[in-house]
Amino acid sequence: MGIDEAGDHATAFKKKGGGAMEHRPPQSMDIVSGILALAARKGERIPLAMIHSIVHAMKPHEPILSGLRFSLTGDVCYSRDIDQAINTLIDSGFLKIDGRSAVVTGRAHQFWRYMAGFLTNSRIQVIHSVSLRFHDLLRRDAKSP
């Protein structure tokens, strides 16, 4: 089932208008959603707490993340933008929750098409590159004891 066939649950990712590209700057939710979805592997488990901490650690090195805001309480960091992106990806069928992890459903190619509706290819490539680094850090941290 594609985004266009997903019904009301995919409204956040449906193209506005008749398919013509509408250029607009990416919103924080678009950027974070792209980071989570574009380099993800089908069936991959992403611990929810690690999403916030890894993106927070990446922020000083990734200019595209400069608009994200975090609340820090002790060792815990939280971003409402990240939470919103996770919930939208869940509602759209890109992720599902299993315990304390998000599980990737393997529909990243559809998210790429969604982003192509309002971003240039070079901007999508930047988000994809950050996504590759995010998932590399995630997989490396998941292997560490």
Protein backbone atom coordinates (compact mmCIF):
# COMPACT_ATOMS: atom_id res chain seq x y z
CA MET A 1 0.00 0.00 0.00
CA GLY A 2 1.44 3.37 -1.00
CA ILE A 3 1.08 6.77 0.61
CA ASP A 4 -1.73 7.69 -1.75
CA GLU A 5 -3.63 4.49 -0.91
CA ALA A 6 -3.00 4.65 2.84
CA GLY A 7 -6.09 6.75 3.54
CA ASP A 8 -6.38 9.20 6.40
CA HIS A 9 -3.30 7.86 8.20
CA ALA A 10 -0.95 9.24 5.56
CA THR A 11 -2.35 12.76 5.33
CA ALA A 12 0.81 14.30 6.77
CA PHE A 13 2.83 12.92 3.85
CA LYS A 14 0.41 13.37 0.94
CA LYS A 15 1.36 15.89 -1.71
CA LYS A 16 -0.61 19.07 -1.74
CA GLY A 17 -1.89 20.04 -5.17
CA GLY A 18 -1.93 18.11 -8.41
CA GLY A 19 1.54 16.65 -8.27
CA ALA A 20 3.39 19.82 -9.27
CA MET A 21 6.50 20.43 -7.23
CA GLU A 22 6.00 23.09 -4.61
CA HIS A 23 9.36 24.39 -3.43
CA ARG A 24 9.42 25.15 0.28
CA PRO A 25 12.05 24.86 2.95
CA PRO A 26 11.88 21.61 4.88
CA GLN A 27 10.24 21.75 8.27
CA SER A 28 11.87 20.11 11.29
CA MET A 29 9.40 17.22 11.06
CA ASP A 30 10.35 16.62 7.40
CA ILE A 31 14.06 16.62 8.22
CA VAL A 32 13.78 14.29 11.20
CA SER A 33 11.35 12.01 9.35
CA GLY A 34 13.80 11.82 6.46
CA ILE A 35 16.67 11.03 8.81
CA LEU A 36 14.69 8.20 10.39
CA ALA A 37 13.24 6.80 7.15
CA LEU A 38 15.59 7.27 4.20
CA ALA A 39 18.47 5.00 5.26
CA ALA A 40 16.42 2.62 7.40
CA ARG A 41 16.28 -1.09 6.70
CA LYS A 42 13.04 -3.04 6.70
CA GLY A 43 12.52 -4.75 10.05
CA GLU A 44 15.19 -2.67 11.78
CA ARG A 45 14.44 -1.91 15.44
CA ILE A 46 15.21 1.62 16.57
CA PRO A 47 15.15 2.12 20.36
CA LEU A 48 13.06 5.24 20.92
CA ALA A 49 15.38 6.70 23.58
CA MET A 50 18.37 6.34 21.24
CA ILE A 51 16.68 8.41 18.51
CA HIS A 52 16.66 11.51 20.71
CA SER A 53 20.18 11.01 22.07
CA ILE A 54 21.82 10.25 18.71
CA VAL A 55 20.16 13.19 16.92
CA HIS A 56 21.14 15.44 19.85
CA ALA A 57 24.76 14.27 19.57
CA MET A 58 24.69 14.87 15.79
CA LYS A 59 23.22 18.37 16.01
CA PRO A 60 26.52 20.31 16.47
CA HIS A 61 28.01 18.58 13.40
CA GLU A 62 24.99 18.69 11.04
CA PRO A 63 23.86 22.20 9.99
CA ILE A 64 20.52 20.86 8.77
CA LEU A 65 19.66 19.97 12.41
CA SER A 66 20.29 23.50 13.70
CA GLY A 67 16.57 24.26 14.07
CA LEU A 68 15.87 21.36 16.43
CA ARG A 69 15.30 22.16 20.10
CA PHE A 70 15.97 19.77 22.96
CA SER A 71 15.05 19.64 26.62
CA LEU A 72 17.83 18.20 28.75
CA THR A 73 17.12 16.68 32.15
CA GLY A 74 20.09 14.89 33.60
CA ASP A 75 21.13 12.20 31.12
CA VAL A 76 17.82 12.33 29.25
CA CYS A 77 17.30 14.52 26.20
CA TYR A 78 13.98 15.01 24.47
CA SER A 79 12.81 16.87 21.38
CA ARG A 80 9.16 17.55 20.61
CA ASP A 81 10.12 17.79 16.90
CA ILE A 82 11.54 14.26 17.00
CA ASP A 83 8.49 12.94 18.84
CA GLN A 84 6.19 14.57 16.28
CA ALA A 85 8.18 13.02 13.40
CA ILE A 86 8.06 9.56 15.02
CA ASN A 87 4.30 9.80 15.55
CA THR A 88 3.73 10.97 11.98
CA LEU A 89 5.84 8.11 10.62
CA ILE A 90 3.83 5.69 12.77
CA ASP A 91 0.51 7.16 11.60
CA SER A 92 1.70 6.93 7.99
CA GLY A 93 2.80 3.31 8.28
CA PHE A 94 6.57 3.85 7.95
CA LEU A 95 7.19 2.77 11.55
CA LYS A 96 5.34 0.67 14.08
CA ILE A 97 5.94 0.52 17.82
CA ASP A 98 6.99 -2.72 19.49
CA GLY A 99 7.82 -2.28 23.16
CA ARG A 100 10.31 0.56 23.51
CA SER A 101 11.42 0.42 19.90
CA ALA A 102 10.17 1.64 16.56
CA VAL A 103 10.26 -1.03 13.87
CA VAL A 104 10.82 0.03 10.25
CA THR A 105 8.19 -1.25 7.81
CA GLY A 106 10.45 -0.82 4.77
CA ARG A 107 8.63 1.93 2.88
CA ALA A 108 11.42 4.53 2.74
CA HIS A 109 11.26 4.77 -1.07
CA GLN A 110 7.74 6.18 -0.73
CA PHE A 111 8.99 8.80 1.71
CA TRP A 112 11.69 9.75 -0.82
CA ARG A 113 8.94 10.36 -3.41
CA TYR A 114 6.99 12.44 -0.90
CA MET A 115 10.03 14.66 -0.24
CA ALA A 116 10.64 15.03 -3.98
CA GLY A 117 7.31 16.85 -4.14
CA PHE A 118 8.71 19.93 -2.41
CA LEU A 119 12.50 19.60 -2.09
CA THR A 120 15.24 19.66 -4.67
CA ASN A 121 17.20 16.47 -5.22
CA SER A 122 20.31 18.04 -3.69
CA ARG A 123 18.40 18.89 -0.48
CA ILE A 124 17.03 15.33 -0.30
CA GLN A 125 20.59 14.04 -0.77
CA VAL A 126 21.74 16.14 2.22
CA ILE A 127 18.98 14.66 4.39
CA HIS A 128 19.79 11.16 3.08
CA SER A 129 23.48 11.64 3.96
CA VAL A 130 22.53 12.65 7.50
CA SER A 131 20.20 9.63 7.60
CA LEU A 132 23.09 7.34 6.63
CA ARG A 133 25.24 8.79 9.43
CA PHE A 134 22.36 8.51 11.94
CA HIS A 135 21.74 4.84 11.12
CA ASP A 136 25.48 4.10 11.18
CA LEU A 137 25.69 5.57 14.70
CA LEU A 138 22.53 3.74 15.73
CA ARG A 139 23.82 0.37 14.49
CA ARG A 140 27.22 0.97 16.08
CA ASP A 141 25.67 1.95 19.44
CA ALA A 142 23.28 -1.01 19.32
CA LYS A 143 26.25 -3.40 19.03
CA SER A 144 28.12 -1.81 21.95
CA PRO A 145 27.43 -3.28 25.40
